[in-house]
PDB file of all heavy atoms in Angstrom:
ATOM      1  N   GLU A   1       0.893  -1.189  -0.071  1.00  0.00           N
ATOM      2  CA  GLU A   1       0.064  -0.013   0.019  1.00  0.00           C
ATOM      3  C   GLU A   1       0.950   1.227   0.057  1.00  0.00           C
ATOM      4  O   GLU A   1       0.525   2.241  -0.702  1.00  0.00           O
ATOM      5  CB  GLU A   1      -0.963   0.038   1.203  1.00  0.00           C
ATOM      6  CG  GLU A   1      -2.093  -1.015   1.088  1.00  0.00           C
ATOM      7  CD  GLU A   1      -2.833  -1.129   2.377  1.00  0.00           C
ATOM      8  OE1 GLU A   1      -2.591  -0.307   3.449  1.00  0.00           O
ATOM      9  OE2 GLU A   1      -3.813  -1.940   2.526  1.00  0.00           O
ATOM     10  N   GLU A   2       1.964   1.254   0.754  1.00  0.00           N
ATOM     11  CA  GLU A   2       2.891   2.408   0.785  1.00  0.00           C
ATOM     12  C   GLU A   2       3.458   2.736  -0.503  1.00  0.00           C
ATOM     13  O   GLU A   2       3.631   3.915  -0.832  1.00  0.00           O
ATOM     14  CB  GLU A   2       3.929   2.111   1.793  1.00  0.00           C
ATOM     15  CG  GLU A   2       4.847   3.389   2.033  1.00  0.00           C
ATOM     16  CD  GLU A   2       5.822   3.175   3.180  1.00  0.00           C
ATOM     17  OE1 GLU A   2       5.979   1.985   3.659  1.00  0.00           O
ATOM     18  OE2 GLU A   2       6.557   4.104   3.462  1.00  0.00           O
ATOM     19  N   VAL A   3       3.612   1.741  -1.368  1.00  0.00           N
ATOM     20  CA  VAL A   3       4.288   2.103  -2.712  1.00  0.00           C
ATOM     21  C   VAL A   3       3.170   2.079  -3.865  1.00  0.00           C
ATOM     22  O   VAL A   3       3.508   2.155  -4.972  1.00  0.00           O
ATOM     23  CB  VAL A   3       5.331   1.076  -3.060  1.00  0.00           C
ATOM     24  CG1 VAL A   3       6.422   1.054  -1.991  1.00  0.00           C
ATOM     25  CG2 VAL A   3       4.753  -0.405  -3.184  1.00  0.00           C
ATOM     26  N   GLY A   4       1.868   2.060  -3.451  1.00  0.00           N
ATOM     27  CA  GLY A   4       0.829   2.047  -4.465  1.00  0.00           C
ATOM     28  C   GLY A   4       0.649   0.839  -5.222  1.00  0.00           C
ATOM     29  O   GLY A   4       0.287   0.847  -6.467  1.00  0.00           O
ATOM     30  N   ALA A   5       0.963  -0.441  -4.697  1.00  0.00           N
ATOM     31  CA  ALA A   5       0.955  -1.639  -5.443  1.00  0.00           C
ATOM     32  C   ALA A   5       0.185  -2.692  -4.590  1.00  0.00           C
ATOM     33  O   ALA A   5       0.335  -3.865  -4.766  1.00  0.00           O
ATOM     34  CB  ALA A   5       2.342  -2.135  -5.632  1.00  0.00           C
ATOM     35  N   GLU A   6      -0.897  -2.264  -3.829  1.00  0.00           N
ATOM     36  CA  GLU A   6      -1.664  -3.209  -3.098  1.00  0.00           C
ATOM     37  C   GLU A   6      -2.447  -4.180  -3.859  1.00  0.00           C
ATOM     38  O   GLU A   6      -2.736  -5.343  -3.400  1.00  0.00           O
ATOM     39  CB  GLU A   6      -2.585  -2.443  -2.063  1.00  0.00           C
ATOM     40  CG  GLU A   6      -3.617  -1.585  -2.802  1.00  0.00           C
ATOM     41  CD  GLU A   6      -3.039  -0.126  -3.137  1.00  0.00           C
ATOM     42  OE1 GLU A   6      -1.847   0.022  -2.996  1.00  0.00           O
ATOM     43  OE2 GLU A   6      -3.943   0.735  -3.346  1.00  0.00           O
ATOM     44  N   THR A   7      -2.695  -3.895  -5.078  1.00  0.00           N
ATOM     45  CA  THR A   7      -3.560  -4.799  -5.987  1.00  0.00           C
ATOM     46  C   THR A   7      -2.691  -5.951  -6.481  1.00  0.00           C
ATOM     47  O   THR A   7      -3.287  -6.942  -7.123  1.00  0.00           O
ATOM     48  CB  THR A   7      -4.117  -3.965  -7.165  1.00  0.00           C
ATOM     49  OG1 THR A   7      -3.067  -3.500  -7.950  1.00  0.00           O
ATOM     50  CG2 THR A   7      -5.088  -2.948  -6.721  1.00  0.00           C
ATOM     51  N   LEU A   8      -1.411  -5.956  -6.324  1.00  0.00           N
ATOM     52  CA  LEU A   8      -0.547  -6.936  -6.782  1.00  0.00           C
ATOM     53  C   LEU A   8      -0.327  -8.178  -5.911  1.00  0.00           C
ATOM     54  O   LEU A   8       0.335  -9.019  -6.174  1.00  0.00           O
ATOM     55  CB  LEU A   8       0.852  -6.322  -7.152  1.00  0.00           C
ATOM     56  CG  LEU A   8       0.835  -5.203  -8.130  1.00  0.00           C
ATOM     57  CD1 LEU A   8       2.235  -4.636  -8.305  1.00  0.00           C
ATOM     58  CD2 LEU A   8       0.262  -5.600  -9.486  1.00  0.00           C
ATOM     59  N   LEU A   9      -0.886  -8.155  -4.736  1.00  0.00           N
ATOM     60  CA  LEU A   9      -0.511  -8.953  -3.608  1.00  0.00           C
ATOM     61  C   LEU A   9      -0.475 -10.506  -4.098  1.00  0.00           C
ATOM     62  O   LEU A   9       0.444 -11.234  -3.858  1.00  0.00           O
ATOM     63  CB  LEU A   9      -1.563  -8.851  -2.416  1.00  0.00           C
ATOM     64  CG  LEU A   9      -1.231  -9.725  -1.161  1.00  0.00           C
ATOM     65  CD1 LEU A   9      -0.008  -9.231  -0.570  1.00  0.00           C
ATOM     66  CD2 LEU A   9      -2.471  -9.729  -0.313  1.00  0.00           C
ATOM     67  N   GLN A  10      -1.462 -10.971  -4.822  1.00  0.00           N
ATOM     68  CA  GLN A  10      -1.551 -12.316  -5.161  1.00  0.00           C
ATOM     69  C   GLN A  10      -1.258 -12.578  -6.683  1.00  0.00           C
ATOM     70  O   GLN A  10      -1.442 -13.664  -7.240  1.00  0.00           O
ATOM     71  CB  GLN A  10      -3.089 -12.879  -4.953  1.00  0.00           C
ATOM     72  CG  GLN A  10      -3.240 -12.995  -3.410  1.00  0.00           C
ATOM     73  CD  GLN A  10      -2.240 -13.778  -2.552  1.00  0.00           C
ATOM     74  OE1 GLN A  10      -1.597 -14.690  -3.077  1.00  0.00           O
ATOM     75  NE2 GLN A  10      -2.150 -13.370  -1.316  1.00  0.00           N
ATOM     76  N   ARG A  11      -0.722 -11.578  -7.281  1.00  0.00           N
ATOM     77  CA  ARG A  11      -0.281 -11.700  -8.684  1.00  0.00           C
ATOM     78  C   ARG A  11       0.981 -12.452  -8.938  1.00  0.00           C
ATOM     79  O   ARG A  11       1.914 -12.349  -8.077  1.00  0.00           O
ATOM     80  CB  ARG A  11      -0.206 -10.320  -9.295  1.00  0.00           C
ATOM     81  CG  ARG A  11      -1.438  -9.499  -9.571  1.00  0.00           C
ATOM     82  CD  ARG A  11      -1.968  -9.714 -10.942  1.00  0.00           C
ATOM     83  NE  ARG A  11      -1.065  -9.221 -11.930  1.00  0.00           N
ATOM     84  CZ  ARG A  11      -0.998  -7.936 -12.389  1.00  0.00           C
ATOM     85  NH1 ARG A  11      -1.708  -7.003 -11.755  1.00  0.00           N
ATOM     86  NH2 ARG A  11      -0.206  -7.689 -13.343  1.00  0.00           N
ATOM     87  N   PRO A  12       1.000 -13.357  -9.922  1.00  0.00           N
ATOM     88  CA  PRO A  12       2.350 -14.029 -10.196  1.00  0.00           C
ATOM     89  C   PRO A  12       3.410 -12.952 -10.540  1.00  0.00           C
ATOM     90  O   PRO A  12       3.225 -12.097 -11.289  1.00  0.00           O
ATOM     91  CB  PRO A  12       2.029 -14.868 -11.392  1.00  0.00           C
ATOM     92  CG  PRO A  12       0.580 -15.144 -11.320  1.00  0.00           C
ATOM     93  CD  PRO A  12      -0.011 -13.917 -10.861  1.00  0.00           C
ATOM     94  N   LEU A  13       4.510 -13.136  -9.863  1.00  0.00           N
ATOM     95  CA  LEU A  13       5.679 -12.199 -10.104  1.00  0.00           C
ATOM     96  C   LEU A  13       6.007 -11.963 -11.580  1.00  0.00           C
ATOM     97  O   LEU A  13       6.439 -10.922 -11.987  1.00  0.00           O
ATOM     98  CB  LEU A  13       6.914 -12.590  -9.312  1.00  0.00           C
ATOM     99  CG  LEU A  13       7.833 -11.469  -8.821  1.00  0.00           C
ATOM    100  CD1 LEU A  13       7.138 -10.418  -8.014  1.00  0.00           C
ATOM    101  CD2 LEU A  13       8.935 -12.083  -8.146  1.00  0.00           C
ATOM    102  N   GLN A  14       5.820 -13.014 -12.327  1.00  0.00           N
ATOM    103  CA  GLN A  14       6.247 -13.011 -13.798  1.00  0.00           C
ATOM    104  C   GLN A  14       5.302 -12.255 -14.630  1.00  0.00           C
ATOM    105  O   GLN A  14       5.541 -11.860 -15.771  1.00  0.00           O
ATOM    106  CB  GLN A  14       6.357 -14.443 -14.341  1.00  0.00           C
ATOM    107  CG  GLN A  14       7.384 -15.330 -13.680  1.00  0.00           C
ATOM    108  CD  GLN A  14       6.969 -16.000 -12.434  1.00  0.00           C
ATOM    109  OE1 GLN A  14       5.925 -15.727 -11.922  1.00  0.00           O
ATOM    110  NE2 GLN A  14       7.838 -16.993 -11.983  1.00  0.00           N
ATOM    111  N   ASN A  15       4.004 -11.978 -14.065  1.00  0.00           N
ATOM    112  CA  ASN A  15       3.010 -11.418 -14.857  1.00  0.00           C
ATOM    113  C   ASN A  15       2.759  -9.846 -14.529  1.00  0.00           C
ATOM    114  O   ASN A  15       1.781  -9.249 -14.882  1.00  0.00           O
ATOM    115  CB  ASN A  15       1.667 -12.077 -14.647  1.00  0.00           C
ATOM    116  CG  ASN A  15       1.668 -13.467 -15.127  1.00  0.00           C
ATOM    117  OD1 ASN A  15       2.676 -13.788 -15.923  1.00  0.00           O
ATOM    118  ND2 ASN A  15       0.739 -14.292 -14.896  1.00  0.00           N
ATOM    119  N   ILE A  16       3.756  -9.291 -13.902  1.00  0.00           N
ATOM    120  CA  ILE A  16       3.673  -7.749 -13.527  1.00  0.00           C
ATOM    121  C   ILE A  16       4.560  -6.984 -14.423  1.00  0.00           C
ATOM    122  O   ILE A  16       5.522  -7.597 -15.005  1.00  0.00           O
ATOM    123  CB  ILE A  16       3.948  -7.483 -12.117  1.00  0.00           C
ATOM    124  CG1 ILE A  16       5.355  -7.812 -11.723  1.00  0.00           C
ATOM    125  CG2 ILE A  16       3.011  -8.282 -11.118  1.00  0.00           C
ATOM    126  CD1 ILE A  16       5.748  -7.401 -10.284  1.00  0.00           C
ATOM    127  N   SER A  17       4.179  -5.740 -14.591  1.00  0.00           N
ATOM    128  CA  SER A  17       5.004  -4.765 -15.523  1.00  0.00           C
ATOM    129  C   SER A  17       6.252  -4.448 -14.944  1.00  0.00           C
ATOM    130  O   SER A  17       6.523  -4.569 -13.754  1.00  0.00           O
ATOM    131  CB  SER A  17       4.197  -3.566 -15.961  1.00  0.00           C
ATOM    132  OG  SER A  17       4.025  -2.758 -14.767  1.00  0.00           O
ATOM    133  N   GLY A  18       7.133  -3.859 -15.786  1.00  0.00           N
ATOM    134  CA  GLY A  18       8.417  -3.275 -15.134  1.00  0.00           C
ATOM    135  C   GLY A  18       8.241  -2.272 -14.097  1.00  0.00           C
ATOM    136  O   GLY A  18       8.828  -2.277 -13.038  1.00  0.00           O
ATOM    137  N   GLY A  19       7.204  -1.344 -14.272  1.00  0.00           N
ATOM    138  CA  GLY A  19       6.996  -0.342 -13.180  1.00  0.00           C
ATOM    139  C   GLY A  19       6.500  -0.997 -11.988  1.00  0.00           C
ATOM    140  O   GLY A  19       6.896  -0.545 -10.869  1.00  0.00           O
ATOM    141  N   GLU A  20       5.537  -1.966 -12.128  1.00  0.00           N
ATOM    142  CA  GLU A  20       4.999  -2.647 -10.944  1.00  0.00           C
ATOM    143  C   GLU A  20       6.120  -3.458 -10.302  1.00  0.00           C
ATOM    144  O   GLU A  20       6.210  -3.479  -9.055  1.00  0.00           O
ATOM    145  CB  GLU A  20       3.865  -3.671 -11.326  1.00  0.00           C
ATOM    146  CG  GLU A  20       2.645  -2.897 -11.867  1.00  0.00           C
ATOM    147  CD  GLU A  20       1.704  -3.819 -12.586  1.00  0.00           C
ATOM    148  OE1 GLU A  20       2.091  -4.974 -13.042  1.00  0.00           O
ATOM    149  OE2 GLU A  20       0.409  -3.487 -12.607  1.00  0.00           O
ATOM    150  N   MET A  21       7.103  -4.020 -10.937  1.00  0.00           N
ATOM    151  CA  MET A  21       8.251  -4.820 -10.381  1.00  0.00           C
ATOM    152  C   MET A  21       9.095  -3.843  -9.516  1.00  0.00           C
ATOM    153  O   MET A  21       9.476  -4.172  -8.391  1.00  0.00           O
ATOM    154  CB  MET A  21       9.094  -5.480 -11.496  1.00  0.00           C
ATOM    155  CG  MET A  21      10.301  -6.064 -10.955  1.00  0.00           C
ATOM    156  SD  MET A  21       9.919  -7.424  -9.632  1.00  0.00           S
ATOM    157  CE  MET A  21       9.724  -8.834 -10.806  1.00  0.00           C
ATOM    158  N   GLN A  22       9.343  -2.654 -10.061  1.00  0.00           N
ATOM    159  CA  GLN A  22      10.017  -1.713  -9.315  1.00  0.00           C
ATOM    160  C   GLN A  22       9.493  -1.367  -8.014  1.00  0.00           C
ATOM    161  O   GLN A  22      10.166  -1.145  -6.994  1.00  0.00           O
ATOM    162  CB  GLN A  22      10.369  -0.437 -10.117  1.00  0.00           C
ATOM    163  CG  GLN A  22      11.310  -0.725 -11.346  1.00  0.00           C
ATOM    164  CD  GLN A  22      12.519  -1.468 -11.050  1.00  0.00           C
ATOM    165  OE1 GLN A  22      12.681  -2.650 -11.112  1.00  0.00           O
ATOM    166  NE2 GLN A  22      13.617  -0.684 -10.704  1.00  0.00           N
ATOM    167  N   ARG A  23       8.086  -1.161  -8.094  1.00  0.00           N
ATOM    168  CA  ARG A  23       7.449  -0.935  -6.786  1.00  0.00           C
ATOM    169  C   ARG A  23       7.466  -2.009  -5.766  1.00  0.00           C
ATOM    170  O   ARG A  23       7.545  -1.793  -4.581  1.00  0.00           O
ATOM    171  CB  ARG A  23       5.925  -0.373  -7.074  1.00  0.00           C
ATOM    172  CG  ARG A  23       5.863   0.996  -7.736  1.00  0.00           C
ATOM    173  CD  ARG A  23       4.458   1.311  -8.180  1.00  0.00           C
ATOM    174  NE  ARG A  23       4.604   2.645  -8.830  1.00  0.00           N
ATOM    175  CZ  ARG A  23       4.150   3.816  -8.188  1.00  0.00           C
ATOM    176  NH1 ARG A  23       3.883   3.795  -6.943  1.00  0.00           N
ATOM    177  NH2 ARG A  23       4.242   4.961  -8.862  1.00  0.00           N
ATOM    178  N   VAL A  24       7.413  -3.186  -6.344  1.00  0.00           N
ATOM    179  CA  VAL A  24       7.486  -4.340  -5.477  1.00  0.00           C
ATOM    180  C   VAL A  24       8.794  -4.440  -4.795  1.00  0.00           C
ATOM    181  O   VAL A  24       9.062  -4.777  -3.600  1.00  0.00           O
ATOM    182  CB  VAL A  24       7.104  -5.630  -6.223  1.00  0.00           C
ATOM    183  CG1 VAL A  24       7.458  -6.972  -5.407  1.00  0.00           C
ATOM    184  CG2 VAL A  24       5.671  -5.676  -6.630  1.00  0.00           C
ATOM    185  N   LEU A  25       9.888  -4.208  -5.655  1.00  0.00           N
ATOM    186  CA  LEU A  25      11.246  -4.308  -5.083  1.00  0.00           C
ATOM    187  C   LEU A  25      11.459  -3.135  -3.961  1.00  0.00           C
ATOM    188  O   LEU A  25      12.122  -3.343  -2.929  1.00  0.00           O
ATOM    189  CB  LEU A  25      12.218  -4.134  -6.176  1.00  0.00           C
ATOM    190  CG  LEU A  25      12.373  -5.276  -7.163  1.00  0.00           C
ATOM    191  CD1 LEU A  25      13.321  -4.947  -8.325  1.00  0.00           C
ATOM    192  CD2 LEU A  25      12.904  -6.546  -6.472  1.00  0.00           C
ATOM    193  N   LEU A  26      10.873  -2.034  -4.342  1.00  0.00           N
ATOM    194  CA  LEU A  26      10.828  -0.902  -3.304  1.00  0.00           C
ATOM    195  C   LEU A  26      10.053  -1.332  -1.995  1.00  0.00           C
ATOM    196  O   LEU A  26      10.617  -1.054  -0.913  1.00  0.00           O
ATOM    197  CB  LEU A  26      10.327   0.355  -3.841  1.00  0.00           C
ATOM    198  CG  LEU A  26      10.332   1.591  -2.949  1.00  0.00           C
ATOM    199  CD1 LEU A  26      11.744   1.904  -2.526  1.00  0.00           C
ATOM    200  CD2 LEU A  26       9.691   2.800  -3.847  1.00  0.00           C
ATOM    201  N   ALA A  27       9.048  -1.906  -2.108  1.00  0.00           N
ATOM    202  CA  ALA A  27       8.296  -2.334  -0.983  1.00  0.00           C
ATOM    203  C   ALA A  27       9.117  -3.426  -0.091  1.00  0.00           C
ATOM    204  O   ALA A  27       9.141  -3.332   1.069  1.00  0.00           O
ATOM    205  CB  ALA A  27       6.947  -3.081  -1.268  1.00  0.00           C
ATOM    206  N   ARG A  28       9.791  -4.317  -0.836  1.00  0.00           N
ATOM    207  CA  ARG A  28      10.615  -5.286  -0.102  1.00  0.00           C
ATOM    208  C   ARG A  28      11.699  -4.559   0.662  1.00  0.00           C
ATOM    209  O   ARG A  28      12.058  -4.936   1.732  1.00  0.00           O
ATOM    210  CB  ARG A  28      11.267  -6.255  -1.174  1.00  0.00           C
ATOM    211  CG  ARG A  28      11.917  -7.501  -0.635  1.00  0.00           C
ATOM    212  CD  ARG A  28      12.354  -8.460  -1.681  1.00  0.00           C
ATOM    213  NE  ARG A  28      12.758  -9.762  -1.129  1.00  0.00           N
ATOM    214  CZ  ARG A  28      13.963  -9.977  -0.885  1.00  0.00           C
ATOM    215  NH1 ARG A  28      14.972  -9.111  -1.020  1.00  0.00           N
ATOM    216  NH2 ARG A  28      14.281 -11.211  -0.428  1.00  0.00           N
ATOM    217  N   ALA A  29      12.347  -3.548   0.153  1.00  0.00           N
ATOM    218  CA  ALA A  29      13.414  -2.813   0.776  1.00  0.00           C
ATOM    219  C   ALA A  29      12.833  -2.075   2.037  1.00  0.00           C
ATOM    220  O   ALA A  29      13.455  -2.077   3.114  1.00  0.00           O
ATOM    221  CB  ALA A  29      14.068  -1.840  -0.198  1.00  0.00           C
ATOM    222  N   LEU A  30      11.576  -1.575   1.950  1.00  0.00           N
ATOM    223  CA  LEU A  30      11.059  -0.798   2.971  1.00  0.00           C
ATOM    224  C   LEU A  30      10.464  -1.794   4.102  1.00  0.00           C
ATOM    225  O   LEU A  30      10.407  -1.193   5.276  1.00  0.00           O
ATOM    226  CB  LEU A  30       9.783  -0.060   2.445  1.00  0.00           C
ATOM    227  CG  LEU A  30      10.212   1.155   1.506  1.00  0.00           C
ATOM    228  CD1 LEU A  30       8.823   1.708   0.934  1.00  0.00           C
ATOM    229  CD2 LEU A  30      10.913   2.212   2.290  1.00  0.00           C
ATOM    230  N   LEU A  31      10.301  -2.994   3.778  1.00  0.00           N
ATOM    231  CA  LEU A  31       9.782  -3.956   4.910  1.00  0.00           C
ATOM    232  C   LEU A  31      10.800  -4.131   5.932  1.00  0.00           C
ATOM    233  O   LEU A  31      10.617  -4.671   7.062  1.00  0.00           O
ATOM    234  CB  LEU A  31       9.468  -5.255   4.283  1.00  0.00           C
ATOM    235  CG  LEU A  31       8.084  -5.268   3.492  1.00  0.00           C
ATOM    236  CD1 LEU A  31       7.863  -6.511   2.756  1.00  0.00           C
ATOM    237  CD2 LEU A  31       6.964  -5.022   4.530  1.00  0.00           C
ATOM    238  N   ARG A  32      12.116  -3.708   5.656  1.00  0.00           N
ATOM    239  CA  ARG A  32      13.211  -3.822   6.660  1.00  0.00           C
ATOM    240  C   ARG A  32      13.139  -2.709   7.600  1.00  0.00           C
ATOM    241  O   ARG A  32      14.046  -2.653   8.486  1.00  0.00           O
ATOM    242  CB  ARG A  32      14.506  -3.928   5.903  1.00  0.00           C
ATOM    243  CG  ARG A  32      14.783  -5.244   5.145  1.00  0.00           C
ATOM    244  CD  ARG A  32      16.113  -5.129   4.495  1.00  0.00           C
ATOM    245  NE  ARG A  32      17.235  -4.899   5.441  1.00  0.00           N
ATOM    246  CZ  ARG A  32      17.814  -5.849   6.145  1.00  0.00           C
ATOM    247  NH1 ARG A  32      17.352  -7.160   6.068  1.00  0.00           N
ATOM    248  NH2 ARG A  32      18.800  -5.575   6.998  1.00  0.00           N
ATOM    249  N   GLU A  33      12.180  -1.697   7.391  1.00  0.00           N
ATOM    250  CA  GLU A  33      12.188  -0.478   8.256  1.00  0.00           C
ATOM    251  C   GLU A  33      13.536   0.167   8.290  1.00  0.00           C
ATOM    252  O   GLU A  33      14.193   0.362   9.315  1.00  0.00           O
ATOM    253  CB  GLU A  33      11.735  -0.907   9.604  1.00  0.00           C
ATOM    254  CG  GLU A  33      10.325  -1.431   9.820  1.00  0.00           C
ATOM    255  CD  GLU A  33       9.324  -0.409   9.426  1.00  0.00           C
ATOM    256  OE1 GLU A  33       9.596   0.763   9.691  1.00  0.00           O
ATOM    257  OE2 GLU A  33       8.205  -0.816   9.076  1.00  0.00           O
ATOM    258  N   PRO A  34      14.078   0.477   7.108  1.00  0.00           N
ATOM    259  CA  PRO A  34      15.451   0.885   7.054  1.00  0.00           C
ATOM    260  C   PRO A  34      15.647   2.398   7.399  1.00  0.00           C
ATOM    261  O   PRO A  34      14.853   3.242   7.289  1.00  0.00           O
ATOM    262  CB  PRO A  34      15.799   0.822   5.498  1.00  0.00           C
ATOM    263  CG  PRO A  34      14.440   1.137   4.856  1.00  0.00           C
ATOM    264  CD  PRO A  34      13.425   0.423   5.755  1.00  0.00           C
ATOM    265  N   ASP A  35      16.820   2.580   8.021  1.00  0.00           N
ATOM    266  CA  ASP A  35      17.345   3.928   8.235  1.00  0.00           C
ATOM    267  C   ASP A  35      17.845   4.476   6.997  1.00  0.00           C
ATOM    268  O   ASP A  35      17.828   5.686   6.761  1.00  0.00           O
ATOM    269  CB  ASP A  35      18.493   3.864   9.296  1.00  0.00           C
ATOM    270  CG  ASP A  35      18.127   3.295  10.622  1.00  0.00           C
ATOM    271  OD1 ASP A  35      17.292   3.809  11.222  1.00  0.00           O
ATOM    272  OD2 ASP A  35      18.719   2.101  10.865  1.00  0.00           O
ATOM    273  N   LEU A  36      18.486   3.647   6.029  1.00  0.00           N
ATOM    274  CA  LEU A  36      19.005   4.045   4.812  1.00  0.00           C
ATOM    275  C   LEU A  36      18.491   3.148   3.716  1.00  0.00           C
ATOM    276  O   LEU A  36      18.417   1.907   3.761  1.00  0.00           O
ATOM    277  CB  LEU A  36      20.555   3.874   4.782  1.00  0.00           C
ATOM    278  CG  LEU A  36      21.218   4.082   3.474  1.00  0.00           C
ATOM    279  CD1 LEU A  36      21.137   5.505   3.071  1.00  0.00           C
ATOM    280  CD2 LEU A  36      22.806   3.795   3.679  1.00  0.00           C
ATOM    281  N   LEU A  37      17.963   3.856   2.650  1.00  0.00           N
ATOM    282  CA  LEU A  37      17.451   3.092   1.428  1.00  0.00           C
ATOM    283  C   LEU A  37      18.535   3.262   0.353  1.00  0.00           C
ATOM    284  O   LEU A  37      18.959   4.388   0.130  1.00  0.00           O
ATOM    285  CB  LEU A  37      16.173   3.675   0.903  1.00  0.00           C
ATOM    286  CG  LEU A  37      14.799   3.101   1.371  1.00  0.00           C
ATOM    287  CD1 LEU A  37      13.777   3.850   0.717  1.00  0.00           C
ATOM    288  CD2 LEU A  37      14.813   1.610   0.908  1.00  0.00           C
ATOM    289  N   VAL A  38      19.050   2.154  -0.161  1.00  0.00           N
ATOM    290  CA  VAL A  38      19.919   2.173  -1.362  1.00  0.00           C
ATOM    291  C   VAL A  38      19.242   1.639  -2.588  1.00  0.00           C
ATOM    292  O   VAL A  38      18.812   0.511  -2.600  1.00  0.00           O
ATOM    293  CB  VAL A  38      21.200   1.400  -1.041  1.00  0.00           C
ATOM    294  CG1 VAL A  38      22.177   1.359  -2.235  1.00  0.00           C
ATOM    295  CG2 VAL A  38      21.892   1.816   0.227  1.00  0.00           C
ATOM    296  N   LEU A  39      19.032   2.481  -3.504  1.00  0.00           N
ATOM    297  CA  LEU A  39      18.233   2.318  -4.716  1.00  0.00           C
ATOM    298  C   LEU A  39      19.140   2.315  -5.970  1.00  0.00           C
ATOM    299  O   LEU A  39      19.697   3.318  -6.333  1.00  0.00           O
ATOM    300  CB  LEU A  39      17.103   3.340  -4.914  1.00  0.00           C
ATOM    301  CG  LEU A  39      16.319   3.629  -3.545  1.00  0.00           C
ATOM    302  CD1 LEU A  39      15.310   4.678  -3.970  1.00  0.00           C
ATOM    303  CD2 LEU A  39      15.557   2.334  -3.121  1.00  0.00           C
ATOM    304  N   ASP A  40      19.404   1.108  -6.552  1.00  0.00           N
ATOM    305  CA  ASP A  40      20.139   0.988  -7.847  1.00  0.00           C
ATOM    306  C   ASP A  40      19.290   1.111  -8.983  1.00  0.00           C
ATOM    307  O   ASP A  40      18.637   0.187  -9.291  1.00  0.00           O
ATOM    308  CB  ASP A  40      20.883  -0.300  -7.684  1.00  0.00           C
ATOM    309  CG  ASP A  40      22.149  -0.351  -8.678  1.00  0.00           C
ATOM    310  OD1 ASP A  40      22.260   0.506  -9.507  1.00  0.00           O
ATOM    311  OD2 ASP A  40      22.832  -1.363  -8.668  1.00  0.00           O
ATOM    312  N   GLU A  41      19.398   2.205  -9.679  1.00  0.00           N
ATOM    313  CA  GLU A  41      18.594   2.414 -10.894  1.00  0.00           C
ATOM    314  C   GLU A  41      17.122   2.090 -10.555  1.00  0.00           C
ATOM    315  O   GLU A  41      16.550   1.248 -11.289  1.00  0.00           O
ATOM    316  CB  GLU A  41      19.149   1.596 -12.092  1.00  0.00           C
ATOM    317  CG  GLU A  41      20.571   1.921 -12.466  1.00  0.00           C
ATOM    318  CD  GLU A  41      20.643   3.102 -13.306  1.00  0.00           C
ATOM    319  OE1 GLU A  41      19.752   3.808 -13.568  1.00  0.00           O
ATOM    320  OE2 GLU A  41      21.861   3.559 -13.609  1.00  0.00           O
ATOM    321  N   PRO A  42      16.572   2.872  -9.776  1.00  0.00           N
ATOM    322  CA  PRO A  42      15.185   2.603  -9.384  1.00  0.00           C
ATOM    323  C   PRO A  42      14.085   2.718 -10.564  1.00  0.00           C
ATOM    324  O   PRO A  42      12.937   2.063 -10.342  1.00  0.00           O
ATOM    325  CB  PRO A  42      14.802   3.489  -8.273  1.00  0.00           C
ATOM    326  CG  PRO A  42      15.762   4.740  -8.466  1.00  0.00           C
ATOM    327  CD  PRO A  42      17.037   4.064  -9.059  1.00  0.00           C
ATOM    328  N   ILE A  43      14.415   3.387 -11.578  1.00  0.00           N
ATOM    329  CA  ILE A  43      13.493   3.489 -12.687  1.00  0.00           C
ATOM    330  C   ILE A  43      13.707   2.584 -13.848  1.00  0.00           C
ATOM    331  O   ILE A  43      13.276   2.768 -14.997  1.00  0.00           O
ATOM    332  CB  ILE A  43      13.224   5.024 -13.163  1.00  0.00           C
ATOM    333  CG1 ILE A  43      14.577   5.452 -13.601  1.00  0.00           C
ATOM    334  CG2 ILE A  43      12.739   5.781 -12.062  1.00  0.00           C
ATOM    335  CD1 ILE A  43      14.359   6.821 -14.380  1.00  0.00           C
ATOM    336  N   GLN A  44      14.610   1.559 -13.615  1.00  0.00           N
ATOM    337  CA  GLN A  44      15.030   0.689 -14.682  1.00  0.00           C
ATOM    338  C   GLN A  44      13.731  -0.072 -15.285  1.00  0.00           C
ATOM    339  O   GLN A  44      12.947  -0.643 -14.541  1.00  0.00           O
ATOM    340  CB  GLN A  44      15.935  -0.447 -14.115  1.00  0.00           C
ATOM    341  CG  GLN A  44      16.402  -1.417 -15.133  1.00  0.00           C
ATOM    342  CD  GLN A  44      17.680  -0.970 -15.814  1.00  0.00           C
ATOM    343  OE1 GLN A  44      18.268  -0.076 -15.498  1.00  0.00           O
ATOM    344  NE2 GLN A  44      17.959  -1.636 -16.921  1.00  0.00           N
ATOM    345  N   GLY A  45      13.642   0.059 -16.631  1.00  0.00           N
ATOM    346  CA  GLY A  45      12.498  -0.589 -17.254  1.00  0.00           C
ATOM    347  C   GLY A  45      11.096  -0.034 -17.012  1.00  0.00           C
ATOM    348  O   GLY A  45      10.150  -0.720 -17.320  1.00  0.00           O
TER     349      GLY A  45
END
């Protein structure tokens, strides 16, 4: 929800778009409750 991708919860990972994948990867990084976010080419694809 924080990254605007709540509708993807049960979607197969292989069936999401490039932009959706980047939001999922960002959500995964945020789940660590980080002090520092390191984003390598966050708009790739």
